[in-house]
Every structure is written in C-alpha cells, then in structure tokens.
Protein backbone atom coordinates (compact mmCIF):
# COMPACT_ATOMS: atom_id res chain seq x y z
CA MET A 1 21.60 30.28 -28.50
CA ILE A 2 19.27 27.28 -28.02
CA HIS A 3 19.28 25.61 -24.61
CA ARG A 4 18.36 21.95 -24.95
CA LEU A 5 16.78 20.65 -21.75
CA HIS A 6 16.67 16.96 -22.15
CA HIS A 7 15.82 14.63 -19.38
CA LEU A 8 19.36 13.19 -19.14
CA PRO A 9 21.74 16.20 -19.40
CA LEU A 10 20.83 19.77 -20.16
CA LEU A 11 22.44 20.64 -23.49
CA LEU A 12 23.53 24.16 -24.38
CA ALA A 13 24.08 24.30 -28.13
CA THR A 14 23.20 26.21 -31.25
CA THR A 15 20.99 23.78 -33.19
CA VAL A 16 21.38 20.20 -32.00
CA THR A 17 18.75 17.50 -31.63
CA VAL A 18 19.37 14.94 -28.86
CA THR A 19 17.56 11.64 -28.41
CA ALA A 20 16.20 10.37 -25.12
CA LEU A 21 19.28 8.29 -24.34
CA GLY A 22 21.70 11.11 -25.03
CA ARG A 23 22.72 10.15 -28.64
CA PRO A 24 22.66 12.98 -31.26
CA ALA A 25 20.26 12.48 -34.15
CA ALA A 26 21.59 11.84 -37.63
CA ALA A 27 20.79 15.27 -39.02
CA ASP A 28 21.22 18.93 -38.02
CA ASN A 29 24.04 18.17 -35.56
CA ILE A 30 26.21 21.10 -34.61
CA ASP A 31 28.89 21.23 -31.91
CA VAL A 32 27.65 21.03 -28.35
CA SER A 33 29.20 23.85 -26.37
CA THR A 34 28.65 22.49 -22.85
CA ILE A 35 26.72 19.75 -21.02
CA PRO A 36 25.87 20.94 -17.51
CA GLY A 37 24.74 18.15 -15.20
CA ARG A 38 21.90 18.24 -12.76
CA ASP A 39 22.63 20.12 -9.58
CA SER A 40 19.98 18.09 -7.76
CA VAL A 41 17.12 15.71 -8.53
CA GLN A 42 14.30 14.49 -6.34
CA LEU A 43 12.04 11.48 -7.01
CA THR A 44 8.70 11.18 -5.21
CA ILE A 45 7.30 7.74 -6.04
CA TYR A 46 3.54 7.04 -5.85
CA ASN A 47 3.05 3.28 -6.22
CA SER A 48 -0.73 3.46 -6.24
CA GLU A 49 -0.81 5.22 -9.63
CA ASP A 50 2.52 4.14 -11.20
CA LEU A 51 3.48 7.78 -10.88
CA THR A 52 6.70 9.56 -9.98
CA LEU A 53 7.10 13.30 -9.54
CA VAL A 54 10.59 14.35 -10.69
CA ARG A 55 12.06 17.69 -9.68
CA GLU A 56 15.52 18.63 -10.92
CA THR A 57 17.61 21.82 -10.82
CA ARG A 58 20.34 23.02 -13.19
CA HIS A 59 22.36 26.16 -13.85
CA VAL A 60 21.81 27.62 -17.33
CA THR A 61 23.68 30.47 -19.02
CA PHE A 62 21.34 33.01 -20.62
CA ARG A 63 22.01 35.84 -23.04
CA LYS A 64 19.98 39.00 -23.32
CA GLY A 65 17.13 38.59 -25.74
CA LEU A 66 15.33 35.45 -26.88
CA ASN A 67 16.63 32.08 -25.61
CA PRO A 68 15.04 28.88 -27.01
CA ILE A 69 15.17 25.95 -24.55
CA GLN A 70 14.49 22.43 -25.78
CA PHE A 71 13.21 19.47 -23.73
CA SER A 72 13.13 15.89 -25.11
CA TRP A 73 11.49 12.76 -23.66
CA ALA A 74 11.99 10.17 -26.42
CA ASN A 75 12.08 6.51 -25.32
CA THR A 76 10.95 7.34 -21.80
CA LEU A 77 7.62 7.33 -19.96
CA ILE A 78 7.65 11.04 -19.17
CA ASP A 79 4.22 12.69 -19.40
CA PRO A 80 4.71 15.65 -21.80
CA THR A 81 1.69 17.55 -20.47
CA SER A 82 3.23 17.73 -17.01
CA VAL A 83 6.63 19.25 -17.90
CA GLU A 84 7.15 22.67 -16.31
CA LEU A 85 10.03 25.11 -16.15
CA ARG A 86 10.50 27.78 -13.53
CA PHE A 87 13.35 30.05 -12.47
CA LYS A 88 14.74 29.72 -8.97
CA THR A 89 17.09 32.71 -9.36
CA HIS A 90 16.78 35.92 -11.42
CA ALA A 91 13.07 35.26 -11.90
CA ASP A 92 12.46 38.98 -12.48
CA ASP A 93 14.90 38.97 -15.42
CA LEU A 94 13.53 35.87 -17.15
CA ASP A 95 10.14 35.30 -18.73
CA ILE A 96 8.71 32.26 -20.58
CA LEU A 97 6.94 33.56 -23.68
CA ASP A 98 5.49 30.28 -24.95
CA ALA A 99 5.91 26.52 -25.24
CA THR A 100 5.65 24.75 -28.60
CA PHE A 101 5.72 21.18 -29.91
CA PRO A 102 7.53 21.15 -33.28
CA HIS A 103 5.62 19.04 -35.80
CA ASP A 104 8.78 17.63 -37.39
CA ARG A 105 10.38 16.65 -34.06
CA PRO A 106 8.03 14.49 -32.02
CA GLN A 107 8.54 13.92 -28.30
CA MET A 108 10.13 17.32 -27.92
CA LEU A 109 9.08 20.80 -26.85
CA TYR A 110 10.58 24.29 -26.94
CA TRP A 111 10.28 27.07 -24.41
CA ASN A 112 11.06 30.57 -25.66
CA VAL A 113 12.57 32.53 -22.78
CA ARG A 114 13.04 36.29 -22.94
CA SER A 115 16.02 37.29 -20.83
CA ALA A 116 17.20 40.63 -19.49
CA LEU A 117 20.11 38.73 -17.95
CA ASP A 118 23.52 38.04 -19.41
CA GLY A 119 24.73 35.23 -17.14
CA ASP A 120 23.80 32.12 -15.16
CA ALA A 121 20.46 31.34 -13.51
CA GLU A 122 19.23 28.31 -11.62
CA VAL A 123 16.21 26.64 -13.23
CA GLU A 124 13.89 23.92 -11.96
CA ILE A 125 12.21 21.38 -14.24
CA THR A 126 9.38 19.25 -12.89
CA TYR A 127 7.44 16.47 -14.60
CA PHE A 128 5.65 13.20 -14.01
CA THR A 129 6.99 9.89 -15.23
CA SER A 130 6.01 6.27 -14.75
CA GLY A 131 7.90 2.99 -14.61
CA ILE A 132 9.55 3.67 -11.23
CA THR A 133 8.14 1.51 -8.46
CA TRP A 134 9.04 0.44 -4.95
CA ALA A 135 8.17 -2.51 -2.77
CA ALA A 136 8.71 -3.14 0.94
CA ASP A 137 9.74 -6.38 2.58
CA TYR A 138 10.35 -7.37 6.19
CA VAL A 139 12.56 -9.91 7.93
CA CYS A 140 11.40 -11.16 11.36
CA ILE A 141 13.46 -13.47 13.59
CA ALA A 142 11.69 -14.86 16.68
CA ASP A 143 13.85 -15.87 19.60
CA ASN A 144 13.95 -19.49 20.72
CA GLY A 145 11.45 -18.89 23.53
CA GLU A 146 8.97 -17.28 21.11
CA ASP A 147 8.20 -14.16 23.12
CA ARG A 148 10.21 -11.50 21.25
CA MET A 149 11.37 -11.00 17.68
CA SER A 150 13.54 -8.68 15.63
CA PHE A 151 11.61 -6.78 12.97
CA GLU A 152 13.59 -5.25 10.10
CA GLY A 153 12.17 -3.37 7.13
CA PHE A 154 13.64 -2.91 3.65
CA VAL A 155 12.54 -1.20 0.45
CA ARG A 156 13.45 -2.11 -3.13
CA ILE A 157 13.24 0.56 -5.85
CA THR A 158 12.94 -0.58 -9.48
CA ASN A 159 13.46 1.82 -12.37
CA ASN A 160 11.99 1.01 -15.80
CA SER A 161 11.27 4.60 -16.80
CA GLY A 162 13.88 4.78 -19.59
CA GLU A 163 15.95 7.30 -17.62
CA ASP A 164 18.93 7.17 -15.25
CA TYR A 165 18.68 9.30 -12.11
CA ALA A 166 22.06 9.87 -10.47
CA ASP A 167 22.41 11.15 -6.89
CA ALA A 168 18.67 11.50 -6.47
CA GLN A 169 16.84 12.16 -3.26
CA VAL A 170 14.18 9.46 -2.99
CA ARG A 171 10.78 9.85 -1.37
CA LEU A 172 8.26 7.01 -1.05
CA VAL A 173 4.54 7.70 -0.76
CA VAL A 174 2.43 5.22 1.23
CA GLY A 175 -1.29 5.51 0.52
CA GLU A 176 -3.70 6.20 -2.33
CA ILE A 177 -3.90 9.22 -4.61
CA ASN A 178 -6.47 10.14 -7.25
CA LEU A 179 -5.41 11.23 -10.73
CA VAL A 180 -7.70 11.58 -13.73
CA GLU A 181 -5.08 10.42 -16.24
CA LYS A 182 -2.64 7.52 -15.99
CA VAL A 183 0.81 8.76 -16.94
CA ALA A 184 1.81 5.54 -18.70
CA GLU A 185 -1.25 5.67 -20.93
CA LEU A 186 -0.39 9.22 -22.04
CA ALA A 187 3.33 8.75 -22.57
CA ARG A 188 3.00 5.57 -24.61
CA ARG A 189 0.92 7.28 -27.30
CA GLY A 190 4.12 8.31 -29.08
CA ILE A 191 3.97 11.14 -31.61
CA ILE A 192 1.69 13.98 -30.60
CA SER A 193 -0.68 15.12 -33.34
CA GLU A 194 -2.19 18.58 -33.54
CA GLU A 195 -5.49 17.23 -32.23
CA GLU A 196 -3.73 15.44 -29.37
CA LYS A 197 -1.82 18.62 -28.51
CA ALA A 198 -5.07 20.52 -28.08
CA ALA A 199 -6.47 17.72 -25.91
CA TYR A 200 -3.25 17.59 -23.86
CA PHE A 201 -3.33 21.32 -23.20
CA ALA A 202 -6.96 21.06 -22.11
CA ARG A 203 -6.07 18.32 -19.63
CA SER A 204 -2.70 19.69 -18.56
CA ARG A 205 -4.22 22.18 -16.13
CA LYS A 206 -5.49 19.26 -14.02
CA VAL A 207 -2.06 17.68 -14.05
CA ARG A 208 -0.25 20.94 -13.36
CA ASP A 209 -2.58 21.71 -10.44
CA PHE A 210 -1.78 18.30 -9.02
CA ALA A 211 1.94 18.95 -9.53
CA ASP A 212 1.68 22.24 -7.66
CA ASP A 213 -0.07 20.55 -4.74
CA ALA A 214 2.46 17.74 -4.77
CA ARG A 215 5.41 20.12 -4.74
CA GLU A 216 3.93 21.93 -1.76
CA GLU A 217 3.35 18.74 0.22
CA LEU A 218 6.43 16.89 -1.00
CA SER A 219 9.01 19.51 -0.07
CA VAL A 220 12.22 18.17 1.43
CA ALA A 221 11.75 17.09 5.04
CA ALA A 222 13.74 18.84 7.71
CA GLY A 223 17.18 17.33 8.00
CA ALA A 224 17.12 15.48 4.66
CA ARG A 225 20.14 16.38 2.58
CA MET A 226 20.69 16.58 -1.17
CA SER A 227 24.40 15.80 -0.78
CA ALA A 228 26.26 12.55 -1.45
CA ALA A 229 25.19 9.46 0.48
CA PRO A 230 26.70 9.27 3.99
CA GLN A 231 28.76 6.35 5.20
CA ALA A 232 26.49 5.68 8.17
CA PRO A 233 23.21 3.74 7.64
CA LYS A 234 20.63 5.95 5.99
CA GLU A 235 17.94 7.51 8.10
CA ILE A 236 14.42 7.49 6.70
CA ILE A 237 12.53 10.68 7.51
CA LYS A 238 8.75 10.30 7.79
CA GLU A 239 6.04 12.86 7.16
CA GLY A 240 2.35 12.39 7.82
CA LEU A 241 -0.04 13.99 5.33
CA SER A 242 -3.82 14.06 5.34
CA GLU A 243 -4.42 10.97 3.16
CA TYR A 244 -1.03 9.32 2.82
CA PHE A 245 2.42 9.07 4.37
CA ILE A 246 5.90 9.87 3.01
CA TYR A 247 9.24 8.20 3.73
CA THR A 248 12.27 10.30 2.78
CA ILE A 249 15.51 8.33 2.46
CA GLU A 250 18.44 10.25 3.88
CA GLY A 251 21.12 11.42 1.47
CA THR A 252 21.02 10.52 -2.22
CA GLU A 253 20.79 7.38 -4.31
CA THR A 254 21.66 6.58 -7.93
CA VAL A 255 18.69 4.84 -9.53
CA ARG A 256 19.70 3.53 -12.96
CA ASN A 257 17.27 2.50 -15.68
CA THR A 258 16.37 -1.25 -15.61
CA TRP A 259 18.11 -1.62 -12.22
CA SER A 260 16.73 -2.35 -8.76
CA LYS A 261 18.19 -1.18 -5.46
CA ARG A 262 17.36 -2.50 -1.98
CA MET A 263 17.69 -0.16 1.01
CA ARG A 264 16.97 -0.44 4.72
CA LEU A 265 13.64 1.07 5.74
CA PHE A 266 14.21 0.75 9.50
CA ASP A 267 16.37 -1.20 11.95
CA GLY A 268 15.02 -4.25 13.69
CA ALA A 269 14.43 -3.69 17.37
CA LYS A 270 13.44 -6.56 19.66
CA ILE A 271 9.67 -6.33 19.96
CA PRO A 272 7.15 -8.42 21.95
CA PHE A 273 4.47 -10.52 20.30
CA ASP A 274 1.63 -12.84 21.31
CA ILE A 275 0.73 -16.29 20.06
CA ARG A 276 -2.94 -16.99 19.27
CA TYR A 277 -4.78 -19.93 17.79
CA ARG A 278 -7.73 -18.80 15.70
CA TYR A 279 -10.45 -20.64 13.83
CA ARG A 280 -11.79 -18.24 11.20
CA PRO A 281 -12.65 -20.13 8.01
CA ARG A 282 -13.19 -17.01 5.91
CA GLU A 283 -9.72 -15.70 6.76
CA TYR A 284 -7.52 -18.74 7.36
CA GLY A 285 -9.39 -21.65 5.77
CA ASP A 286 -10.93 -24.61 7.52
CA GLN A 287 -8.19 -25.06 10.13
CA LEU A 288 -7.12 -23.83 13.53
CA ALA A 289 -4.36 -21.42 12.53
CA ARG A 290 -1.35 -20.54 14.69
CA LEU A 291 -0.51 -16.83 14.54
CA PHE A 292 2.23 -14.55 15.82
CA ILE A 293 0.55 -11.22 16.60
CA LEU A 294 2.37 -7.93 17.11
CA ARG A 295 1.15 -4.36 17.09
CA ASN A 296 2.40 -1.33 15.23
CA ASP A 297 2.52 0.87 18.33
CA THR A 298 5.07 2.57 20.56
CA ALA A 299 4.71 -0.04 23.30
CA SER A 300 6.08 -2.61 20.85
CA GLY A 301 8.95 -0.41 19.70
CA LEU A 302 7.15 0.41 16.44
CA GLY A 303 4.21 2.77 15.90
CA SER A 304 5.98 5.91 14.74
CA THR A 305 4.79 5.39 11.13
CA PRO A 306 2.37 3.23 9.15
CA LEU A 307 3.97 0.15 7.58
CA PRO A 308 3.71 -0.25 3.79
CA ASP A 309 2.30 -3.47 2.40
CA GLY A 310 4.96 -6.05 1.61
CA ILE A 311 6.23 -9.57 2.15
CA VAL A 312 7.12 -10.63 5.70
CA ARG A 313 9.61 -13.49 6.00
CA LEU A 314 9.52 -15.11 9.43
CA PHE A 315 12.31 -17.19 10.99
CA ARG A 316 12.95 -18.62 14.46
CA ASP A 317 16.26 -18.90 16.27
CA ASN A 318 16.75 -22.65 16.65
CA GLY A 319 19.13 -22.28 19.62
CA ARG A 320 22.02 -23.83 17.67
CA ASN A 321 23.39 -20.69 16.01
CA GLY A 322 20.96 -21.18 13.14
CA LEU A 323 17.52 -20.15 11.90
CA SER A 324 14.42 -22.17 11.15
CA TYR A 325 12.20 -20.85 8.35
CA LEU A 326 8.57 -20.53 9.46
CA THR A 327 6.57 -18.70 6.80
CA ALA A 328 6.39 -15.92 4.21
CA TYR A 329 3.31 -13.75 4.41
CA GLN A 330 2.00 -10.87 2.29
CA THR A 331 0.87 -8.16 4.68
CA LYS A 332 -1.31 -5.21 3.75
CA TYR A 333 -0.83 -1.57 4.72
CA VAL A 334 -0.64 -1.43 8.54
CA PRO A 335 -1.79 1.86 10.16
CA ILE A 336 -0.40 3.00 13.50
CA GLY A 337 -1.95 0.99 16.34
CA GLN A 338 -3.15 -1.90 14.19
CA GLU A 339 -2.26 -5.56 14.67
CA ILE A 340 0.11 -7.43 12.37
CA GLU A 341 -0.86 -11.09 11.97
CA LEU A 342 1.75 -13.61 10.84
CA ASN A 343 -0.06 -16.81 9.92
CA LEU A 344 1.96 -19.98 10.49
CA GLY A 345 -0.89 -22.27 9.40
CA ALA A 346 -1.99 -25.43 11.21
CA ASP A 347 0.02 -26.66 14.22
CA ARG A 348 0.52 -30.42 14.39
CA ASN A 349 0.92 -30.13 18.18
CA VAL A 350 -2.61 -28.77 18.61
CA VAL A 351 -5.70 -30.76 17.62
CA HIS A 352 -9.18 -29.27 17.06
CA GLU A 353 -12.42 -31.06 16.26
CA ARG A 354 -16.03 -29.89 16.05
CA VAL A 355 -18.82 -32.37 16.83
CA ARG A 356 -22.61 -31.97 16.68
CA LEU A 357 -23.94 -33.96 19.64
CA ARG A 358 -27.66 -33.86 18.86
CA SER A 359 -30.42 -31.94 17.07
CA TRP A 360 -34.17 -31.56 17.60
CA ARG A 361 -37.19 -29.44 16.66
CA ASP A 362 -39.66 -27.71 18.99
CA SER A 363 -41.70 -24.54 19.67
CA PHE A 364 -44.23 -25.18 16.90
CA TRP A 365 -46.81 -22.67 15.73
CA PHE A 366 -49.86 -23.64 13.66
CA ARG A 367 -52.11 -21.58 11.43
CA ASP A 368 -55.88 -21.66 11.15
CA THR A 369 -56.36 -21.26 7.40
CA LYS A 370 -59.90 -19.94 7.79
CA GLY A 371 -59.41 -17.37 10.49
CA LYS A 372 -55.79 -16.56 9.62
CA ARG A 373 -54.87 -17.05 13.29
CA TYR A 374 -51.83 -18.74 14.80
CA PHE A 375 -51.86 -21.24 17.68
CA SER A 376 -49.10 -22.72 19.83
CA PRO A 377 -49.55 -25.74 22.11
CA ASP A 378 -46.76 -24.38 24.29
CA GLN A 379 -49.01 -21.47 25.19
CA GLY A 380 -52.05 -23.65 25.97
CA HIS A 381 -53.81 -23.18 22.63
CA VAL A 382 -55.87 -26.00 21.20
CA VAL A 383 -54.55 -27.03 17.78
CA GLN A 384 -56.75 -28.92 15.40
CA GLN A 385 -55.39 -31.73 13.28
CA ASN A 386 -55.76 -29.91 9.98
CA PHE A 387 -53.81 -26.80 11.06
CA PRO A 388 -50.57 -26.48 9.01
CA VAL A 389 -47.26 -25.76 10.70
CA ALA A 390 -46.39 -22.05 10.43
CA GLY A 391 -43.29 -21.74 12.63
CA TRP A 392 -40.82 -23.74 14.69
CA HIS A 393 -37.32 -23.89 16.21
CA ASP A 394 -34.45 -26.05 14.92
CA ASN A 395 -32.01 -26.79 17.75
CA GLU A 396 -28.45 -28.15 17.70
CA GLN A 397 -25.96 -28.97 20.46
CA TRP A 398 -22.26 -28.65 19.58
CA ILE A 399 -18.90 -29.19 21.24
CA GLU A 400 -15.47 -27.91 20.13
CA ARG A 401 -12.67 -30.12 21.53
CA PHE A 402 -8.99 -29.17 21.76
CA ARG A 403 -5.83 -31.06 22.68
CA ASN A 404 -2.61 -29.17 23.35
CA ASP A 405 0.60 -31.21 23.16
CA ARG A 406 2.84 -28.19 23.69
CA ASP A 407 4.74 -27.44 26.90
CA GLN A 408 3.02 -24.04 27.22
CA PRO A 409 -0.63 -23.03 27.60
CA ILE A 410 -2.32 -21.66 24.48
CA GLU A 411 -5.12 -19.16 23.87
CA ILE A 412 -7.79 -20.10 21.34
CA GLU A 413 -10.40 -18.02 19.53
CA VAL A 414 -13.22 -19.60 17.51
CA ARG A 415 -15.64 -17.67 15.32
CA ARG A 416 -18.91 -19.05 13.96
CA SER A 417 -21.24 -17.19 11.63
CA PHE A 418 -24.95 -17.97 11.24
CA ASP A 419 -27.63 -17.07 8.73
CA GLY A 420 -31.12 -16.19 9.88
CA HIS A 421 -32.63 -15.44 13.29
CA VAL A 422 -30.39 -17.41 15.66
CA THR A 423 -29.91 -17.73 19.41
CA VAL A 424 -26.64 -19.11 20.86
CA ASP A 425 -26.64 -20.41 24.46
CA THR A 426 -23.31 -21.07 26.20
CA ASP A 427 -21.63 -20.92 29.58
CA ASP A 428 -18.22 -20.31 27.99
CA ASP A 429 -16.58 -16.97 27.29
CA ALA A 430 -18.33 -15.62 24.18
CA THR A 431 -18.96 -12.24 22.56
CA LYS A 432 -20.68 -11.01 19.42
CA HIS A 433 -18.17 -10.11 16.72
CA ASP A 434 -20.86 -8.71 14.43
CA TYR A 435 -24.62 -9.09 13.93
CA ARG A 436 -24.25 -12.66 12.62
CA THR A 437 -20.97 -13.88 14.18
CA VAL A 438 -20.12 -15.15 17.68
CA GLN A 439 -16.55 -15.41 18.95
CA PHE A 440 -15.65 -17.95 21.64
CA THR A 441 -12.38 -17.79 23.60
CA THR A 442 -10.72 -20.34 25.85
CA THR A 443 -7.31 -21.26 27.28
CA VAL A 444 -5.95 -24.81 27.11
CA GLY A 445 -3.19 -25.72 29.54
CA ALA A 446 0.18 -27.18 28.63
CA ASN A 447 -0.12 -30.83 27.56
CA GLY A 448 -3.83 -30.60 28.34
CA ALA A 449 -7.28 -30.63 26.79
CA GLY A 450 -10.23 -28.25 26.67
CA ALA A 451 -13.67 -27.79 25.14
CA LEU A 452 -16.35 -25.27 24.20
CA ASP A 453 -20.04 -26.25 24.58
CA TYR A 454 -23.00 -24.37 23.09
CA GLU A 455 -26.52 -24.78 21.75
CA ILE A 456 -27.84 -23.12 18.61
CA THR A 457 -31.52 -22.30 18.00
CA TYR A 458 -32.64 -21.39 14.48
CA ARG A 459 -36.05 -19.68 14.39
CA GLN A 460 -38.03 -20.77 11.35
CA GLY A 461 -41.28 -19.68 9.66
CA ILE A 462 -43.23 -17.03 11.53
CA SER A 463 -40.80 -17.37 14.46
CA ARG A 464 -38.07 -15.83 12.30
CA LYS A 465 -38.36 -12.09 12.89
CA GLN A 466 -35.05 -10.67 11.59
CA GLU A 467 -31.53 -11.53 10.45
CA LYS A 468 -29.39 -11.51 13.59
CA VAL A 469 -27.67 -13.60 16.25
CA GLU A 470 -28.69 -13.33 19.90
CA LEU A 471 -26.22 -14.45 22.54
CA ARG A 472 -27.27 -15.60 25.99
C-alpha cells in the first residue's frame, strides 16, 4: 500500500498520483481508499526571510512490511529539501529506509517506511514554504484634551503559498533570522534534475539543522490551544527568544490561499503621551515638527512585548461624537522601553524662524615663511606685513524665535549639527547630542513667544585641531 502525503490531504491509495491542488493526474489513477485530514497544523511565519515553518500531524494506517509514502508539492512554494517525516507514536515499530525523487514525477518524493506495526500511527511532517506574510497596523485615538490615547494593534496575514491551511495555529516571528538559502528561490526552480538533487541534498543538512532549532524554539506556548477558535477575543501569547520575539495567536485560524485575514494583536488601553516640537532637519525635514510621543513601557500600559513595524493611523476625538484624522505613519520595530514618535508635521499655530544677527572674523595667526614660526597679535607677538595668515576664527551670532498661538505651553527641542572644530556659546538650556550636534530646549508659554540665543565659533587653519563641537 502506498501512502501519498501531499501537502493538502494525506492520500492512502495503491498507485495514485495527486497534483498540488488535490486533482488526480490524467494517468495511473486508481481508487483512493481514504483521505485522512490533518489532525493539526502550525504555521510559524518569519517575515524577514519570506519563510514559514509548517508542522502538521496526521494519523496513517500502516501494514507490516514496506510502506511507500508519497509527498507532492506541485504549484506551491514548498522547499523540497526541507521536508521531513517523523513518527510521534510507535516510533520503535517504524523506520524510514530512504527518500527518493522519481525522475518521471517531478515535484514529488517517496519515503519507504519499514513497519513492524499493523495499525495506525501518528506522523508529523515539517517543511518550509514561502509566500505567507504578515503585517501589523495600529489605530490610535487621542482624546479631545490630547493627554491620553487608545492604542490598538492588529495583524493581517496574507497567504500566496499555493496551499490552504485550515484550522492552523499561527505564530508570528518579530525580528531577523539568517538563512543561507531563500526558500522562494529554491522552490521556483521547478523540476529537479539529478545534478540539482545532489546539490539539494548537500545543502539540506543546513536547512534541516535550522528546522530542528526552529522546532525546539517554536514549540507551542503554554496555554495556546490547537482546538477550534474560541468565541471570546483571541489572546496573543508572547515568547521572548534570544534574537527575536514570537506572538502566538490563541486558538486556530483558517488561512486560505490568495486570501488575507486581519486579527487583533492587542486591545487598546488608554495610555499617556507627551507633545513635543522638534527641529531635526535630517529626520523631519526643514520644519518644526509636532510630535505625539509615547513609550513602549509598563508605565504607559504597554511594554510587555516589542511592537512589530507597521502603519500607525492617528485620530483625535473632536468632542462631537466624531473623529478627526491626523496622520498615518510607518513605524519601525519598537523594542521594550523605546519611544514611539508620531509625526504630525508642521503646526500652523506655532511659528519658528532662524536669523543670523551678525558675523565677524578674529583670532588671527600668521606664519613666518622663513623660520616656519607662527605669530599672533593677540598674544603680543609682532607680525610683519609679509606674514601670510595661517589661522583664524569665523564667528556667527544666531537667534531662534518662536511664537505659540495655542492655549497651552509647548516644549521645543532644536538640534544643530556642525562640521569642523566648533565652539557654541549660549546661556540657554543646551546639551551635546553627539560629537558634532548640539540640542537646545526651551518652553514657550500659551499664546506667548520665546527665543534661543547662541554664538558659533568655527576654528580655521592651524586653529582647527580636530572634528568636534565644544559647548560652553
């Protein structure tokens, strides 16, 4: 009896060939005795590599002696080098003798199983496929007073793998993995030649080792069930691993080929947020940007897990039983404890202008071309008329002006970056952001005005010692 393990149903027949979508081929068709369905299936989706680890279990009836088992992956993106079969029950009575790729039946393999059992056994088939992806999105609604917001997360799963997965447990991996081969590139090669088979077997150990590690780490989280989906909203179970994070969706989901399904990632609690105005041209363009800032931490009602990258759609309660759309923003992966910035762009109620008040040059150094010596009048040295200038300071005085037409005070941050050896003098609140960037902060009262004043000194020629900004 030949057992045909095909990625849709598992077919128990005598000699039947089944295509990837479950349609018998034109030739060699003999009656199918039974079509046992999957007992369970688990999908672990790695977005970073277009990779999904599939693990499914079935009950198969064996007879004593040799039992051929066939697996087909036609018209799908299953990686043939990653397919593995193991016995969950009666493992001592069952033994895989070999695995072969028939030359006249591409996209198919046979396992020859020697059985001392006359009866049923539970088998597990694992493999990698591609074409299954997921994406997160978030909906935020700020209250009318703009001090708290609801923060809801959703995930959309899209299946273009060529396969339907009914009642599957779904696991979502957040983070990066490393894999030598891309599954899609392997699966799309089509018919496997003898030379390709040898190359596949040489590479398959790497893939199988990865599968073993993945199965160890991606075991079902405590409390997650493989039963039918519950009526209550699904809980998402989270597991932290060394380099990435896993969300396990409670219950099971049917993920059909070419379909997408949107599910709730977490409920939206009311969380606090701050409002900042920031001038950072490299990040927000040449404008004073208004930002809603919240943190992925426990104090904010978040912080139990990292947040996957996705689109954030921000609304505000307009106080009239309606919502005002503010912005849509693509956020990157947010670790625990990190800020989430929602950029609302320029605010017409806040005006910012930067003005250079004056500039001048001083602190000259001259060079004696004969003696290779340097002289400065500021230090009492006598400088002859023919001495060339060797060093000097370029000085600038700047002011940043702000006008706030809002009914609430606002906090403003301004960053300026400088090239060269620079000194910044100011009486305002300022800190060094990095070796070449200064950050100024100020508060402007409601319906008021404010300013930042500072002087910049650029050291030139021999006065320029290193690339850095000094703040004083």
